[in-house]
Protein backbone atom coordinates (compact mmCIF):
# COMPACT_ATOMS: atom_id res chain seq x y z
CA UNK A 1 25.30 12.98 66.34
CA UNK A 2 26.96 13.26 63.00
CA UNK A 3 28.59 10.23 61.42
CA UNK A 4 32.08 11.35 62.07
CA UNK A 5 35.12 9.75 63.73
CA UNK A 6 35.69 10.33 67.38
CA UNK A 7 39.07 11.96 67.88
CA UNK A 8 40.27 11.18 71.33
CA UNK A 9 38.19 10.82 74.50
CA UNK A 10 39.56 12.75 77.47
CA UNK A 11 38.65 9.79 79.72
CA UNK A 12 39.66 6.31 78.67
CA UNK A 13 38.07 3.82 80.96
CA UNK A 14 35.43 1.46 79.50
CA UNK A 15 33.87 -1.98 79.54
CA UNK A 16 33.23 -4.83 77.11
CA UNK A 17 29.90 -6.61 77.15
CA UNK A 18 30.20 -10.35 77.46
CA UNK A 19 27.45 -12.82 76.65
CA UNK A 20 27.37 -16.47 77.58
CA UNK A 21 25.21 -19.34 76.33
CA UNK A 22 23.64 -21.88 78.63
CA UNK A 23 24.97 -25.36 78.21
CA UNK A 24 24.29 -28.69 79.78
CA UNK A 25 26.62 -29.40 82.70
CA UNK A 26 28.39 -32.25 80.93
CA UNK A 27 29.14 -30.08 77.93
CA UNK A 28 31.24 -27.50 79.82
CA UNK A 29 34.71 -28.79 78.82
CA UNK A 30 37.45 -27.85 76.38
CA UNK A 31 39.01 -30.09 73.72
CA UNK A 32 41.07 -31.85 76.33
CA UNK A 33 38.05 -32.55 78.45
CA UNK A 34 39.03 -30.05 81.13
CA UNK A 35 35.92 -28.53 82.78
CA UNK A 36 35.29 -24.91 81.87
CA UNK A 37 35.13 -22.33 84.67
CA UNK A 38 34.13 -18.73 83.91
CA UNK A 39 36.24 -15.97 85.43
CA UNK A 40 34.72 -14.21 88.44
CA UNK A 41 33.85 -10.50 88.15
CA UNK A 42 36.88 -9.81 90.43
CA UNK A 43 39.22 -11.84 88.23
CA UNK A 44 37.99 -10.15 85.04
CA UNK A 45 38.38 -6.69 86.68
CA UNK A 46 41.92 -7.69 87.55
CA UNK A 47 42.70 -8.65 83.90
CA UNK A 48 41.47 -5.21 82.68
CA UNK A 49 43.47 -3.38 85.40
CA UNK A 50 46.63 -5.28 84.49
CA UNK A 51 46.21 -4.51 80.80
CA UNK A 52 45.71 -0.79 81.55
CA UNK A 53 48.80 -0.78 83.78
CA UNK A 54 50.84 -2.21 81.05
CA UNK A 55 49.83 0.62 78.68
CA UNK A 56 50.35 3.46 81.17
CA UNK A 57 53.20 5.83 80.48
CA UNK A 58 54.75 7.81 83.41
CA UNK A 59 56.33 11.25 83.21
CA UNK A 60 57.48 13.86 85.71
CA UNK A 61 58.08 17.60 85.53
CA UNK A 62 58.61 20.56 87.88
CA UNK A 63 55.55 22.76 88.36
CA UNK A 64 57.76 25.82 87.84
CA UNK A 65 58.00 24.87 84.18
CA UNK A 66 55.80 23.79 81.24
CA UNK A 67 55.93 20.00 80.97
CA UNK A 68 56.20 18.74 77.40
CA UNK A 69 55.85 15.02 76.95
CA UNK A 70 56.22 12.89 73.80
CA UNK A 71 54.56 9.48 74.13
CA UNK A 72 55.76 6.20 72.64
CA UNK A 73 53.38 6.75 69.72
CA UNK A 74 54.62 10.24 68.96
CA UNK A 75 51.76 12.27 70.60
CA UNK A 76 53.00 15.50 72.25
CA UNK A 77 51.25 16.88 75.36
CA UNK A 78 52.05 20.17 76.93
CA UNK A 79 50.95 21.18 80.44
CA UNK A 80 51.73 24.59 82.04
CA UNK A 81 52.75 23.91 85.63
CA UNK A 82 51.69 27.43 86.65
CA UNK A 83 48.07 26.44 85.94
CA UNK A 84 48.07 23.52 88.40
CA UNK A 85 46.43 23.66 91.80
CA UNK A 86 46.04 21.15 94.73
CA UNK A 87 43.26 21.71 97.18
CA UNK A 88 42.98 25.24 95.78
CA UNK A 89 46.62 26.12 96.17
CA UNK A 90 49.27 26.63 93.56
CA UNK A 91 51.45 23.57 93.05
CA UNK A 92 55.19 23.63 93.59
CA UNK A 93 57.77 20.82 93.12
CA UNK A 94 57.60 17.61 91.14
CA UNK A 95 54.39 16.54 89.40
CA UNK A 96 53.58 13.00 88.22
CA UNK A 97 51.80 12.69 84.86
CA UNK A 98 50.10 9.51 83.66
CA UNK A 99 49.13 8.95 80.09
CA UNK A 100 47.37 6.10 78.37
CA UNK A 101 46.78 6.27 74.59
CA UNK A 102 44.83 3.74 72.55
CA UNK A 103 44.97 4.04 68.81
CA UNK A 104 45.08 0.26 68.18
CA UNK A 105 41.72 -1.58 68.18
CA UNK A 106 43.40 -4.64 69.83
CA UNK A 107 44.39 -2.50 72.80
CA UNK A 108 40.91 -0.92 72.94
CA UNK A 109 39.51 -4.49 73.20
CA UNK A 110 42.17 -5.60 75.70
CA UNK A 111 41.38 -2.72 78.08
CA UNK A 112 37.66 -2.79 77.29
CA UNK A 113 37.32 0.69 75.81
CA UNK A 114 33.86 0.89 74.33
CA UNK A 115 32.99 3.48 71.69
CA UNK A 116 29.26 4.04 72.49
CA UNK A 117 28.33 7.67 71.90
CA UNK A 118 25.25 9.66 72.86
CA UNK A 119 23.32 11.10 69.97
CA UNK A 120 21.48 14.43 69.91
CA UNK A 121 18.16 12.78 70.69
CA UNK A 122 19.57 10.99 73.74
CA UNK A 123 19.93 7.63 72.12
CA UNK A 124 23.25 5.77 71.85
CA UNK A 125 25.17 4.38 68.88
CA UNK A 126 28.48 2.82 68.17
CA UNK A 127 30.98 5.33 66.95
CA UNK A 128 33.91 5.13 64.52
CA UNK A 129 36.96 5.71 66.76
CA UNK A 130 40.08 7.53 65.76
CA UNK A 131 41.61 6.70 69.18
CA UNK A 132 41.34 7.43 72.91
CA UNK A 133 43.56 8.79 75.54
CA UNK A 134 43.67 9.36 79.31
CA UNK A 135 45.76 12.10 80.88
CA UNK A 136 46.11 12.73 84.58
CA UNK A 137 48.44 14.58 87.00
CA UNK A 138 48.96 14.03 90.64
CA UNK A 139 51.38 15.03 93.42
CA UNK A 140 52.00 12.72 96.37
CA UNK A 141 48.96 10.79 95.38
CA UNK A 142 46.68 13.82 95.46
CA UNK A 143 44.69 14.79 92.40
CA UNK A 144 45.69 18.05 90.73
CA UNK A 145 43.41 20.46 88.89
CA UNK A 146 44.26 22.17 85.64
CA UNK A 147 43.21 25.86 85.38
CA UNK A 148 44.18 26.51 81.75
CA UNK A 149 44.34 24.61 78.55
CA UNK A 150 46.78 21.84 77.81
CA UNK A 151 47.84 21.25 74.23
CA UNK A 152 47.74 17.83 72.54
CA UNK A 153 49.37 17.19 69.11
CA UNK A 154 48.47 13.85 67.53
CA UNK A 155 50.06 12.53 64.32
CA UNK A 156 47.29 11.87 61.86
CA UNK A 157 48.89 8.54 60.83
CA UNK A 158 47.81 7.20 64.23
CA UNK A 159 44.14 7.55 63.21
CA UNK A 160 44.36 6.27 59.67
CA UNK A 161 45.04 9.57 58.07
CA UNK A 162 43.77 13.21 58.21
CA UNK A 163 40.06 13.64 58.73
CA UNK A 164 38.53 17.12 58.88
CA UNK A 165 35.38 15.64 60.48
CA UNK A 166 37.21 14.65 63.64
CA UNK A 167 35.72 15.94 66.91
CA UNK A 168 36.58 15.67 70.60
CA UNK A 169 34.49 13.65 72.99
CA UNK A 170 34.46 13.09 76.75
CA UNK A 171 33.51 9.80 78.46
CA UNK A 172 31.25 9.39 81.54
CA UNK A 173 32.02 6.18 83.53
CA UNK A 174 29.49 4.00 85.25
CA UNK A 175 26.29 5.37 83.86
CA UNK A 176 24.81 2.03 82.76
CA UNK A 177 26.45 -0.20 85.40
CA UNK A 178 24.33 -3.05 86.83
CA UNK A 179 27.11 -4.29 89.18
CA UNK A 180 29.72 -2.77 91.42
CA UNK A 181 32.66 -5.01 90.78
CA UNK A 182 34.86 -3.80 87.80
CA UNK A 183 32.14 -1.40 86.76
CA UNK A 184 33.79 0.74 84.12
CA UNK A 185 31.33 1.07 81.27
CA UNK A 186 31.52 4.44 79.50
CA UNK A 187 29.33 6.60 77.34
CA UNK A 188 30.81 9.40 75.21
CA UNK A 189 29.46 12.87 74.69
CA UNK A 190 30.73 15.38 72.18
CA UNK A 191 32.39 18.25 74.07
CA UNK A 192 30.81 21.66 73.74
CA UNK A 193 31.09 24.91 75.68
CA UNK A 194 28.19 26.85 77.25
CA UNK A 195 27.48 28.41 73.83
CA UNK A 196 27.34 25.03 72.15
CA UNK A 197 30.66 25.40 70.32
CA UNK A 198 33.03 22.49 70.03
CA UNK A 199 36.78 22.77 70.81
CA UNK A 200 38.83 23.54 67.67
CA UNK A 201 40.80 20.80 66.04
CA UNK A 202 43.18 21.90 63.40
CA UNK A 203 45.43 19.88 61.11
CA UNK A 204 48.94 21.21 60.72
CA UNK A 205 52.53 20.06 60.60
CA UNK A 206 53.47 17.73 63.50
CA UNK A 207 56.55 17.67 65.70
CA UNK A 208 58.09 15.11 63.38
CA UNK A 209 57.54 14.71 59.62
CA UNK A 210 53.98 14.59 58.58
CA UNK A 211 50.64 16.15 59.50
CA UNK A 212 49.07 16.25 62.92
CA UNK A 213 45.90 17.18 64.77
CA UNK A 214 46.18 20.11 67.13
CA UNK A 215 43.68 20.60 69.97
CA UNK A 216 43.36 22.12 73.45
CA UNK A 217 41.27 21.14 76.48
CA UNK A 218 41.17 22.05 80.19
CA UNK A 219 40.43 18.89 82.16
CA UNK A 220 42.37 15.82 83.38
CA UNK A 221 40.87 12.37 83.19
């Protein structure tokens, strides 16, 4: 794996590793002498879920059109409704789109988005992240499938400036989980097609003033 920034993971669900030290029973108090009680796995999973919900942006569009959405951070996402299917059938009517974008390291930590990437030799290493996003579309609670590319335009300022070494990665959830409660660890793999080629990422003028990354991909999540 080359030492490059990760652009934006298609999937954005991850975990943070917590370590605790063993103390004597009488030492488990705070400054006010209140006994310390660690959060249960269920409570910790709830905190992550609440943080993710707070950062989720909701959009709607009619499947007879191309939905174009501009997020709070200025990212533009375009989805062709004619390419959507549900249970193998073409979609008609209103479609719900859910977007989470994380360009701020504080929010990555809050939602437990790891940046552990898989290297060419199969080993894993921490990556330098330019940001992460999650995009999904449903109708009536049913998952939709995208049959053609969606376009994503990301202002370069969100990633700390233009970087020609940016590449696109996809996350796999639960690969290293040792527990079943709140298990959302993630490993990132660089996206390549069957011939080993990476999706193109170009830098051009954005929808507002300034440069932006332009890329396409064909999968929700």
